[in-house]
N, C-alpha and C. Protein backbone atom coordinates (compact mmCIF):
# COMPACT_ATOMS: atom_id res chain seq x y z
N MET A 1 89.71 57.63 70.56
CA MET A 1 89.60 59.01 69.64
C MET A 1 89.40 60.47 70.03
N GLY A 2 88.43 60.45 71.13
CA GLY A 2 88.25 61.71 71.56
C GLY A 2 89.46 62.29 72.39
N CYS A 3 90.17 61.42 73.23
CA CYS A 3 91.25 61.81 74.12
C CYS A 3 92.68 62.14 73.34
N CYS A 4 92.46 61.43 72.29
CA CYS A 4 93.86 62.06 70.91
C CYS A 4 93.32 63.49 70.76
N ILE A 5 92.52 63.74 70.28
CA ILE A 5 92.12 65.00 69.69
C ILE A 5 92.09 66.56 71.01
N THR A 6 91.77 65.82 72.04
CA THR A 6 91.56 66.98 73.39
C THR A 6 93.02 67.11 73.82
N ILE A 7 93.84 66.32 74.30
CA ILE A 7 95.33 66.59 74.80
C ILE A 7 95.78 67.74 74.06
N PRO A 8 96.04 67.19 72.68
CA PRO A 8 96.71 68.53 71.83
C PRO A 8 96.15 69.69 71.88
N PHE A 9 94.71 69.82 71.77
CA PHE A 9 93.92 70.90 71.93
C PHE A 9 94.21 71.68 73.07
N ILE A 10 94.25 71.21 74.14
CA ILE A 10 94.55 71.64 75.59
C ILE A 10 95.68 72.19 75.43
N VAL A 11 97.04 71.56 74.77
CA VAL A 11 98.23 71.95 74.95
C VAL A 11 98.40 73.29 74.30
N PHE A 12 97.59 73.28 72.87
CA PHE A 12 97.61 74.16 71.92
C PHE A 12 97.28 75.74 72.39
N VAL A 13 96.02 75.62 73.28
CA VAL A 13 95.43 76.69 73.70
C VAL A 13 96.04 77.06 74.95
N ILE A 14 96.80 76.45 76.17
CA ILE A 14 97.65 76.91 77.03
C ILE A 14 98.82 77.54 76.35
N ILE A 15 99.27 77.08 75.05
CA ILE A 15 100.47 77.76 74.40
C ILE A 15 100.21 78.99 73.79
N ALA A 16 98.79 79.07 73.45
CA ALA A 16 98.12 80.53 72.64
C ALA A 16 98.02 81.39 74.01
N ILE A 17 97.49 80.99 75.24
CA ILE A 17 97.03 81.86 75.82
C ILE A 17 98.69 82.36 76.62
N LEU A 18 99.57 81.73 76.71
CA LEU A 18 101.09 81.98 76.50
C LEU A 18 101.76 83.40 76.06
N ILE A 19 101.46 82.78 74.91
CA ILE A 19 101.85 83.90 73.88
C ILE A 19 100.86 84.98 73.91
N ALA A 20 99.78 85.23 74.13
CA ALA A 20 99.15 86.09 74.29
C ALA A 20 99.47 87.30 75.42
N LEU A 21 99.80 86.35 76.40
CA LEU A 21 100.10 86.90 77.82
C LEU A 21 101.52 87.60 77.68
N ILE A 22 102.41 87.11 76.85
CA ILE A 22 103.61 87.53 76.67
C ILE A 22 103.90 88.76 75.71
N ALA A 23 102.80 88.76 74.54
CA ALA A 23 102.57 89.67 73.65
C ALA A 23 102.11 90.99 74.79
N PHE A 24 101.06 90.77 75.09
CA PHE A 24 100.63 91.62 76.30
C PHE A 24 101.70 92.45 77.05
N ALA A 25 102.45 91.67 77.97
CA ALA A 25 103.23 92.19 78.57
C ALA A 25 104.24 92.86 78.14
N ALA A 26 104.82 92.30 77.02
CA ALA A 26 105.60 93.11 76.02
C ALA A 26 105.19 94.70 75.68
N HIS A 27 103.88 94.65 75.21
CA HIS A 27 103.23 95.72 74.85
C HIS A 27 102.95 96.75 75.96
N LEU A 28 102.91 96.40 77.22
CA LEU A 28 102.55 97.02 78.19
C LEU A 28 104.31 97.91 78.86
N ALA A 29 105.25 96.71 78.88
CA ALA A 29 106.50 97.36 78.76
C ALA A 29 106.80 98.45 78.23
N TRP A 30 106.48 98.52 76.69
CA TRP A 30 106.80 99.47 76.07
C TRP A 30 106.22 100.43 76.34
N THR A 31 104.83 100.54 76.74
CA THR A 31 104.25 101.48 77.12
C THR A 31 104.56 101.97 78.47
N ILE A 32 104.95 101.40 79.38
CA ILE A 32 105.12 101.87 80.92
C ILE A 32 106.51 102.32 81.06
N LEU A 33 107.91 101.73 80.45
CA LEU A 33 109.03 101.64 80.42
C LEU A 33 109.30 103.33 80.35
N PRO A 34 109.01 104.04 79.11
CA PRO A 34 109.18 105.42 79.08
C PRO A 34 108.75 106.04 79.98
N LEU A 35 107.49 105.91 80.80
CA LEU A 35 106.89 106.65 81.73
C LEU A 35 107.93 106.48 82.88
N ILE A 36 108.13 105.20 82.99
CA ILE A 36 108.88 104.87 84.52
C ILE A 36 110.38 105.84 84.25
N ILE A 37 110.90 105.65 83.17
CA ILE A 37 112.14 106.37 82.75
C ILE A 37 112.29 107.66 82.86
N ILE A 38 111.49 108.61 82.49
CA ILE A 38 111.01 110.41 82.20
C ILE A 38 110.41 110.28 83.62
N ILE A 39 109.61 109.78 84.78
CA ILE A 39 109.59 109.85 86.29
C ILE A 39 111.13 109.59 86.82
N ALA A 40 111.83 108.81 86.52
CA ALA A 40 112.66 108.79 87.28
C ALA A 40 113.78 109.93 86.90
N LEU A 41 113.56 110.43 85.77
CA LEU A 41 114.53 111.61 85.43
C LEU A 41 114.23 112.36 86.00
N ILE A 42 112.93 112.91 85.92
CA ILE A 42 112.42 114.23 86.54
C ILE A 42 112.82 114.16 87.97
N ALA A 43 112.62 113.01 89.08
CA ALA A 43 112.99 112.72 90.10
C ALA A 43 114.40 113.08 90.61
N PHE A 44 114.82 112.54 89.77
CA PHE A 44 116.39 112.53 89.92
C PHE A 44 116.78 114.06 89.79
N ILE A 45 116.56 114.58 88.50
CA ILE A 45 116.86 116.25 88.50
C ILE A 45 116.19 117.33 89.35
N TYR A 46 115.04 116.69 90.22
CA TYR A 46 114.12 117.54 91.08
C TYR A 46 115.34 117.33 92.54
N LYS A 47 115.78 115.92 92.83
CA LYS A 47 116.67 115.67 94.01
C LYS A 47 117.97 116.44 93.92
N ALA A 48 118.45 116.77 92.34
CA ALA A 48 119.87 117.31 92.12
C ALA A 48 119.55 118.71 92.52
N ILE A 49 118.69 119.32 92.21
CA ILE A 49 118.36 120.91 92.31
C ILE A 49 118.05 121.27 93.78
N LYS A 50 116.96 120.21 94.12
CA LYS A 50 116.92 120.30 95.56
C LYS A 50 117.83 120.47 96.53
N GLY A 51 118.80 119.40 96.39
CA GLY A 51 120.20 119.09 97.31
C GLY A 51 120.75 120.25 97.44
N ASN A 52 121.01 120.56 96.17
CA ASN A 52 122.21 122.10 96.07
C ASN A 52 121.55 123.39 96.88
């Protein structure tokens, strides 16, 4: 009886942790991605101006 409850519980916990990690990673991506794009654009413009 204990075994039948424990295994699905462990699986549920693992799935919940994975979902939380994916959600956290997605949130980080939405926060960091615009910063990376802005930094890349600034670096590109800076190189273009300095190159000429």
